[in-house]
Amino acid sequence: MKRIFSLVTFLVLTCSAFAQNITVTESSDVQILMDRYTADNRMSEYVDGWRIQIVSSTDRRKIEEMKTSFTQKFPNIPIISQHTPPYYKIKVGAFPTKLEAMGLLYKIKQEVPGAYPTKDNKIKPAEMVGIF
């Protein structure tokens, strides 16, 4: 045990003795590209992300019932309705990654077994508020 401790101590002291400050300077071309990328993203109204689709149907009454039921069970989860003829869809949540959406999906599947994650490229940045 003493040998391991001595070896670790020696390595830490040796590494810290050779540590230096590193300065990175970027070329002006890289800065121009980054500025252009930032400006393009600021102009975009929507971002790509993930939502959980809980139902899709041609029956509007079924959609309204599911929306009411879901809102009662999960009052803090944002919900949106979409109409892509002939289907009505209900999607919930807004996440930047599929992994974050899967956390919510696990909770929802206990009440809505048919729910699944879906990619959405029309999410407003303000809709992505935290992890549920």
N, C-alpha and C. Protein backbone atom coordinates (compact mmCIF):
# COMPACT_ATOMS: atom_id res chain seq x y z
N MET A 1 0.82 -1.19 0.00
CA MET A 1 0.00 0.00 0.00
C MET A 1 0.87 1.25 0.00
N LYS A 2 1.96 1.21 0.79
CA LYS A 2 2.86 2.36 0.84
C LYS A 2 3.51 2.59 -0.52
N ARG A 3 3.81 1.49 -1.23
CA ARG A 3 4.45 1.61 -2.53
C ARG A 3 3.52 2.29 -3.54
N ILE A 4 2.24 1.92 -3.50
CA ILE A 4 1.27 2.50 -4.42
C ILE A 4 1.10 3.98 -4.12
N PHE A 5 0.96 4.31 -2.84
CA PHE A 5 0.82 5.70 -2.44
C PHE A 5 2.05 6.51 -2.86
N SER A 6 3.22 5.95 -2.66
CA SER A 6 4.46 6.65 -3.04
C SER A 6 4.53 6.85 -4.55
N LEU A 7 4.11 5.85 -5.32
CA LEU A 7 4.14 5.94 -6.77
C LEU A 7 3.15 7.01 -7.27
N VAL A 8 1.96 7.03 -6.70
CA VAL A 8 0.95 8.01 -7.08
C VAL A 8 1.44 9.42 -6.74
N THR A 9 2.01 9.59 -5.56
CA THR A 9 2.52 10.88 -5.14
C THR A 9 3.64 11.35 -6.08
N PHE A 10 4.53 10.45 -6.42
CA PHE A 10 5.63 10.77 -7.34
C PHE A 10 5.09 11.21 -8.71
N LEU A 11 4.11 10.48 -9.23
CA LEU A 11 3.53 10.82 -10.54
C LEU A 11 2.84 12.18 -10.53
N VAL A 12 2.11 12.45 -9.46
CA VAL A 12 1.41 13.73 -9.35
C VAL A 12 2.41 14.88 -9.30
N LEU A 13 3.43 14.74 -8.50
CA LEU A 13 4.44 15.80 -8.38
C LEU A 13 5.22 15.98 -9.69
N THR A 14 5.52 14.89 -10.37
CA THR A 14 6.26 14.96 -11.63
C THR A 14 5.42 15.66 -12.70
N CYS A 15 4.14 15.26 -12.80
CA CYS A 15 3.25 15.87 -13.81
C CYS A 15 3.04 17.35 -13.55
N SER A 16 2.87 17.71 -12.29
CA SER A 16 2.64 19.13 -11.99
C SER A 16 3.89 19.96 -12.24
N ALA A 17 5.06 19.37 -12.14
CA ALA A 17 6.29 20.10 -12.39
C ALA A 17 6.45 20.41 -13.87
N PHE A 18 5.92 19.55 -14.75
CA PHE A 18 6.06 19.76 -16.18
C PHE A 18 4.84 20.45 -16.80
N ALA A 19 3.85 20.76 -16.00
CA ALA A 19 2.64 21.41 -16.53
C ALA A 19 2.99 22.82 -17.00
N GLN A 20 2.42 23.17 -18.16
CA GLN A 20 2.68 24.49 -18.72
C GLN A 20 1.35 25.09 -19.16
N ASN A 21 1.35 26.39 -19.30
CA ASN A 21 0.17 27.07 -19.85
C ASN A 21 0.22 26.95 -21.36
N ILE A 22 -0.93 26.61 -21.96
CA ILE A 22 -1.02 26.47 -23.40
C ILE A 22 -1.93 27.56 -23.93
N THR A 23 -1.48 28.28 -24.93
CA THR A 23 -2.28 29.32 -25.55
C THR A 23 -2.62 28.90 -26.96
N VAL A 24 -3.91 28.97 -27.30
CA VAL A 24 -4.36 28.60 -28.64
C VAL A 24 -4.79 29.87 -29.36
N THR A 25 -4.25 30.08 -30.53
CA THR A 25 -4.65 31.22 -31.35
C THR A 25 -5.28 30.67 -32.62
N GLU A 26 -6.45 31.18 -32.94
CA GLU A 26 -7.16 30.70 -34.12
C GLU A 26 -6.91 31.65 -35.28
N SER A 27 -6.96 31.08 -36.47
CA SER A 27 -6.75 31.93 -37.63
C SER A 27 -7.99 32.79 -37.87
N SER A 28 -7.82 33.85 -38.63
CA SER A 28 -8.95 34.73 -38.91
C SER A 28 -10.03 34.03 -39.73
N ASP A 29 -9.64 33.05 -40.55
CA ASP A 29 -10.62 32.29 -41.34
C ASP A 29 -11.55 31.48 -40.43
N VAL A 30 -11.00 30.91 -39.38
CA VAL A 30 -11.82 30.15 -38.43
C VAL A 30 -12.78 31.09 -37.71
N GLN A 31 -12.32 32.24 -37.33
CA GLN A 31 -13.17 33.22 -36.65
C GLN A 31 -14.30 33.67 -37.57
N ILE A 32 -14.03 33.89 -38.84
CA ILE A 32 -15.06 34.29 -39.80
C ILE A 32 -16.12 33.19 -39.94
N LEU A 33 -15.69 31.95 -40.04
CA LEU A 33 -16.63 30.83 -40.14
C LEU A 33 -17.50 30.71 -38.89
N MET A 34 -16.89 30.88 -37.72
CA MET A 34 -17.66 30.79 -36.47
C MET A 34 -18.67 31.93 -36.37
N ASP A 35 -18.28 33.11 -36.79
CA ASP A 35 -19.21 34.25 -36.77
C ASP A 35 -20.39 34.00 -37.72
N ARG A 36 -20.11 33.46 -38.89
CA ARG A 36 -21.16 33.17 -39.86
C ARG A 36 -22.11 32.08 -39.31
N TYR A 37 -21.54 31.05 -38.69
CA TYR A 37 -22.33 29.97 -38.09
C TYR A 37 -23.24 30.52 -36.99
N THR A 38 -22.71 31.39 -36.16
CA THR A 38 -23.49 31.99 -35.08
C THR A 38 -24.61 32.85 -35.63
N ALA A 39 -24.33 33.64 -36.64
CA ALA A 39 -25.34 34.51 -37.24
C ALA A 39 -26.46 33.68 -37.89
N ASP A 40 -26.11 32.61 -38.58
CA ASP A 40 -27.12 31.75 -39.22
C ASP A 40 -28.03 31.12 -38.17
N ASN A 41 -27.47 30.69 -37.07
CA ASN A 41 -28.27 30.05 -36.02
C ASN A 41 -29.17 31.06 -35.31
N ARG A 42 -28.73 32.29 -35.17
CA ARG A 42 -29.58 33.30 -34.54
C ARG A 42 -30.77 33.65 -35.40
N MET A 43 -30.63 33.54 -36.71
CA MET A 43 -31.72 33.86 -37.64
C MET A 43 -32.78 32.76 -37.66
N SER A 44 -32.42 31.55 -37.31
CA SER A 44 -33.35 30.42 -37.36
C SER A 44 -34.35 30.51 -36.21
N GLU A 45 -35.60 30.34 -36.54
CA GLU A 45 -36.66 30.41 -35.53
C GLU A 45 -36.83 29.08 -34.79
N TYR A 46 -36.43 27.99 -35.43
CA TYR A 46 -36.63 26.65 -34.87
C TYR A 46 -35.31 25.91 -34.73
N VAL A 47 -35.33 24.91 -33.85
CA VAL A 47 -34.19 24.02 -33.67
C VAL A 47 -34.66 22.58 -33.81
N ASP A 48 -33.72 21.69 -34.06
CA ASP A 48 -34.04 20.26 -34.12
C ASP A 48 -34.07 19.70 -32.71
N GLY A 49 -34.92 18.71 -32.51
CA GLY A 49 -35.00 18.08 -31.20
C GLY A 49 -35.89 16.85 -31.25
N TRP A 50 -36.33 16.44 -30.09
CA TRP A 50 -37.15 15.23 -29.94
C TRP A 50 -38.37 15.53 -29.09
N ARG A 51 -39.46 14.89 -29.43
CA ARG A 51 -40.69 14.93 -28.64
C ARG A 51 -41.16 13.49 -28.45
N ILE A 52 -42.14 13.31 -27.58
CA ILE A 52 -42.77 12.01 -27.38
C ILE A 52 -44.16 12.07 -28.00
N GLN A 53 -44.41 11.21 -28.98
CA GLN A 53 -45.75 11.15 -29.58
C GLN A 53 -46.56 10.15 -28.79
N ILE A 54 -47.72 10.60 -28.27
CA ILE A 54 -48.53 9.70 -27.45
C ILE A 54 -49.71 9.11 -28.21
N VAL A 55 -50.16 9.79 -29.27
CA VAL A 55 -51.27 9.24 -30.05
C VAL A 55 -51.32 9.88 -31.43
N SER A 56 -51.80 9.09 -32.40
CA SER A 56 -52.04 9.57 -33.76
C SER A 56 -53.31 8.88 -34.23
N SER A 57 -54.28 9.68 -34.71
CA SER A 57 -55.56 9.11 -35.11
C SER A 57 -56.26 10.04 -36.10
N THR A 58 -57.21 9.48 -36.85
CA THR A 58 -58.04 10.30 -37.72
C THR A 58 -59.28 10.78 -36.98
N ASP A 59 -59.52 10.22 -35.80
CA ASP A 59 -60.69 10.58 -34.99
C ASP A 59 -60.33 11.74 -34.05
N ARG A 60 -60.86 12.91 -34.34
CA ARG A 60 -60.52 14.10 -33.55
C ARG A 60 -61.02 13.99 -32.12
N ARG A 61 -62.17 13.35 -31.92
CA ARG A 61 -62.70 13.20 -30.54
C ARG A 61 -61.76 12.36 -29.69
N LYS A 62 -61.20 11.31 -30.28
CA LYS A 62 -60.25 10.47 -29.55
C LYS A 62 -59.03 11.29 -29.14
N ILE A 63 -58.58 12.14 -30.01
CA ILE A 63 -57.43 13.00 -29.72
C ILE A 63 -57.74 13.95 -28.57
N GLU A 64 -58.91 14.57 -28.59
CA GLU A 64 -59.30 15.51 -27.53
C GLU A 64 -59.41 14.79 -26.18
N GLU A 65 -59.97 13.58 -26.18
CA GLU A 65 -60.08 12.80 -24.93
C GLU A 65 -58.70 12.45 -24.38
N MET A 66 -57.80 12.04 -25.28
CA MET A 66 -56.45 11.68 -24.85
C MET A 66 -55.71 12.92 -24.33
N LYS A 67 -55.91 14.04 -24.97
CA LYS A 67 -55.27 15.28 -24.52
C LYS A 67 -55.72 15.65 -23.12
N THR A 68 -57.02 15.57 -22.87
CA THR A 68 -57.57 15.88 -21.54
C THR A 68 -57.04 14.91 -20.50
N SER A 69 -57.07 13.62 -20.83
CA SER A 69 -56.59 12.60 -19.90
C SER A 69 -55.11 12.79 -19.58
N PHE A 70 -54.31 13.05 -20.60
CA PHE A 70 -52.87 13.21 -20.40
C PHE A 70 -52.57 14.44 -19.54
N THR A 71 -53.28 15.53 -19.81
CA THR A 71 -53.07 16.77 -19.05
C THR A 71 -53.40 16.58 -17.58
N GLN A 72 -54.41 15.76 -17.28
CA GLN A 72 -54.76 15.49 -15.89
C GLN A 72 -53.68 14.66 -15.21
N LYS A 73 -53.11 13.70 -15.91
CA LYS A 73 -52.10 12.82 -15.32
C LYS A 73 -50.73 13.48 -15.24
N PHE A 74 -50.41 14.31 -16.24
CA PHE A 74 -49.10 14.95 -16.30
C PHE A 74 -49.28 16.46 -16.53
N PRO A 75 -49.68 17.20 -15.53
CA PRO A 75 -49.99 18.62 -15.72
C PRO A 75 -48.77 19.51 -16.04
N ASN A 76 -47.58 19.08 -15.70
CA ASN A 76 -46.39 19.92 -15.90
C ASN A 76 -45.69 19.68 -17.23
N ILE A 77 -46.17 18.75 -18.03
CA ILE A 77 -45.51 18.42 -19.29
C ILE A 77 -46.21 19.17 -20.42
N PRO A 78 -45.46 19.99 -21.18
CA PRO A 78 -46.08 20.73 -22.28
C PRO A 78 -46.59 19.77 -23.36
N ILE A 79 -47.73 20.11 -23.95
CA ILE A 79 -48.39 19.25 -24.92
C ILE A 79 -48.74 20.08 -26.16
N ILE A 80 -48.54 19.49 -27.33
CA ILE A 80 -48.93 20.16 -28.57
C ILE A 80 -49.77 19.22 -29.41
N SER A 81 -50.69 19.80 -30.18
CA SER A 81 -51.50 19.04 -31.12
C SER A 81 -51.08 19.44 -32.52
N GLN A 82 -51.01 18.44 -33.40
CA GLN A 82 -50.67 18.71 -34.79
C GLN A 82 -51.71 18.07 -35.68
N HIS A 83 -52.00 18.70 -36.81
CA HIS A 83 -52.92 18.13 -37.77
C HIS A 83 -52.22 18.05 -39.13
N THR A 84 -51.89 16.84 -39.52
CA THR A 84 -51.33 16.57 -40.83
C THR A 84 -52.34 15.66 -41.53
N PRO A 85 -53.21 16.25 -42.37
CA PRO A 85 -54.34 15.48 -42.93
C PRO A 85 -53.91 14.11 -43.45
N PRO A 86 -54.61 13.06 -43.10
CA PRO A 86 -55.86 13.03 -42.34
C PRO A 86 -55.65 12.78 -40.84
N TYR A 87 -54.38 12.85 -40.37
CA TYR A 87 -54.09 12.47 -38.99
C TYR A 87 -54.00 13.66 -38.04
N TYR A 88 -54.48 13.43 -36.83
CA TYR A 88 -54.29 14.33 -35.71
C TYR A 88 -53.26 13.66 -34.80
N LYS A 89 -52.31 14.42 -34.30
CA LYS A 89 -51.25 13.86 -33.45
C LYS A 89 -51.11 14.69 -32.20
N ILE A 90 -50.76 14.00 -31.11
CA ILE A 90 -50.44 14.69 -29.86
C ILE A 90 -49.00 14.33 -29.51
N LYS A 91 -48.18 15.37 -29.32
CA LYS A 91 -46.79 15.19 -28.93
C LYS A 91 -46.55 15.98 -27.66
N VAL A 92 -45.66 15.47 -26.83
CA VAL A 92 -45.38 16.12 -25.55
C VAL A 92 -43.88 16.30 -25.36
N GLY A 93 -43.53 17.27 -24.53
CA GLY A 93 -42.13 17.54 -24.21
C GLY A 93 -41.39 18.15 -25.39
N ALA A 94 -40.17 18.55 -25.15
CA ALA A 94 -39.26 19.08 -26.18
C ALA A 94 -37.84 18.92 -25.65
N PHE A 95 -37.05 18.10 -26.32
CA PHE A 95 -35.71 17.78 -25.83
C PHE A 95 -34.68 17.93 -26.94
N PRO A 96 -33.47 18.35 -26.61
CA PRO A 96 -32.44 18.47 -27.63
C PRO A 96 -31.90 17.12 -28.09
N THR A 97 -31.94 16.11 -27.23
CA THR A 97 -31.41 14.80 -27.60
C THR A 97 -32.43 13.70 -27.34
N LYS A 98 -32.26 12.61 -28.05
CA LYS A 98 -33.14 11.46 -27.87
C LYS A 98 -32.98 10.86 -26.47
N LEU A 99 -31.77 10.89 -25.96
CA LEU A 99 -31.51 10.34 -24.63
C LEU A 99 -32.33 11.04 -23.56
N GLU A 100 -32.42 12.36 -23.63
CA GLU A 100 -33.23 13.11 -22.67
C GLU A 100 -34.71 12.80 -22.84
N ALA A 101 -35.15 12.61 -24.08
CA ALA A 101 -36.55 12.26 -24.33
C ALA A 101 -36.89 10.89 -23.78
N MET A 102 -35.93 9.98 -23.78
CA MET A 102 -36.18 8.62 -23.29
C MET A 102 -36.49 8.61 -21.79
N GLY A 103 -35.94 9.55 -21.04
CA GLY A 103 -36.26 9.64 -19.61
C GLY A 103 -37.73 9.93 -19.39
N LEU A 104 -38.27 10.85 -20.17
CA LEU A 104 -39.70 11.15 -20.08
C LEU A 104 -40.53 10.00 -20.62
N LEU A 105 -40.06 9.38 -21.69
CA LEU A 105 -40.80 8.26 -22.30
C LEU A 105 -41.02 7.14 -21.29
N TYR A 106 -40.02 6.87 -20.47
CA TYR A 106 -40.15 5.82 -19.47
C TYR A 106 -41.31 6.11 -18.52
N LYS A 107 -41.45 7.36 -18.10
CA LYS A 107 -42.55 7.74 -17.19
C LYS A 107 -43.90 7.66 -17.89
N ILE A 108 -43.95 8.12 -19.14
CA ILE A 108 -45.20 8.17 -19.87
C ILE A 108 -45.70 6.77 -20.24
N LYS A 109 -44.79 5.87 -20.57
CA LYS A 109 -45.18 4.52 -21.00
C LYS A 109 -45.97 3.77 -19.94
N GLN A 110 -45.84 4.15 -18.69
CA GLN A 110 -46.62 3.49 -17.64
C GLN A 110 -48.10 3.81 -17.79
N GLU A 111 -48.42 4.98 -18.34
CA GLU A 111 -49.82 5.39 -18.54
C GLU A 111 -50.26 5.25 -20.00
N VAL A 112 -49.32 5.47 -20.92
CA VAL A 112 -49.62 5.41 -22.36
C VAL A 112 -48.61 4.46 -23.01
N PRO A 113 -48.93 3.16 -23.05
CA PRO A 113 -47.96 2.17 -23.53
C PRO A 113 -47.52 2.36 -24.99
N GLY A 114 -48.34 2.99 -25.82
CA GLY A 114 -48.00 3.15 -27.23
C GLY A 114 -47.15 4.37 -27.55
N ALA A 115 -46.72 5.12 -26.56
CA ALA A 115 -45.92 6.33 -26.78
C ALA A 115 -44.53 5.97 -27.32
N TYR A 116 -44.00 6.85 -28.15
CA TYR A 116 -42.66 6.62 -28.69
C TYR A 116 -42.00 7.96 -29.02
N PRO A 117 -40.63 7.98 -29.04
CA PRO A 117 -39.93 9.23 -29.34
C PRO A 117 -39.99 9.53 -30.84
N THR A 118 -40.05 10.79 -31.17
CA THR A 118 -40.09 11.20 -32.57
C THR A 118 -39.24 12.45 -32.78
N LYS A 119 -38.53 12.48 -33.89
CA LYS A 119 -37.69 13.63 -34.23
C LYS A 119 -38.58 14.77 -34.67
N ASP A 120 -38.23 15.98 -34.26
CA ASP A 120 -39.02 17.16 -34.61
C ASP A 120 -38.07 18.30 -34.94
N ASN A 121 -38.20 18.87 -36.13
CA ASN A 121 -37.30 19.96 -36.51
C ASN A 121 -38.00 21.31 -36.45
N LYS A 122 -39.12 21.38 -35.77
CA LYS A 122 -39.86 22.64 -35.62
C LYS A 122 -40.11 22.94 -34.15
N ILE A 123 -39.06 22.93 -33.35
CA ILE A 123 -39.17 23.23 -31.93
C ILE A 123 -38.60 24.61 -31.68
N LYS A 124 -39.36 25.45 -31.04
CA LYS A 124 -38.84 26.76 -30.67
C LYS A 124 -37.91 26.60 -29.47
N PRO A 125 -36.80 27.30 -29.45
CA PRO A 125 -35.84 27.14 -28.34
C PRO A 125 -36.46 27.37 -26.97
N ALA A 126 -37.46 28.25 -26.87
CA ALA A 126 -38.08 28.52 -25.58
C ALA A 126 -38.88 27.32 -25.07
N GLU A 127 -39.27 26.40 -25.95
CA GLU A 127 -40.02 25.21 -25.53
C GLU A 127 -39.14 24.20 -24.81
N MET A 128 -37.84 24.24 -25.06
CA MET A 128 -36.92 23.30 -24.44
C MET A 128 -36.51 23.82 -23.08
N VAL A 129 -37.33 23.53 -22.10
CA VAL A 129 -37.04 24.00 -20.74
C VAL A 129 -36.83 22.81 -19.83
N GLY A 130 -35.60 22.50 -19.57
CA GLY A 130 -35.26 21.51 -18.56
C GLY A 130 -35.67 20.10 -18.90
N ILE A 131 -35.29 19.22 -18.01
CA ILE A 131 -35.59 17.80 -18.13
C ILE A 131 -36.69 17.48 -17.13
N PHE A 132 -37.63 16.71 -17.55
CA PHE A 132 -38.80 16.42 -16.72
C PHE A 132 -38.49 15.34 -15.75
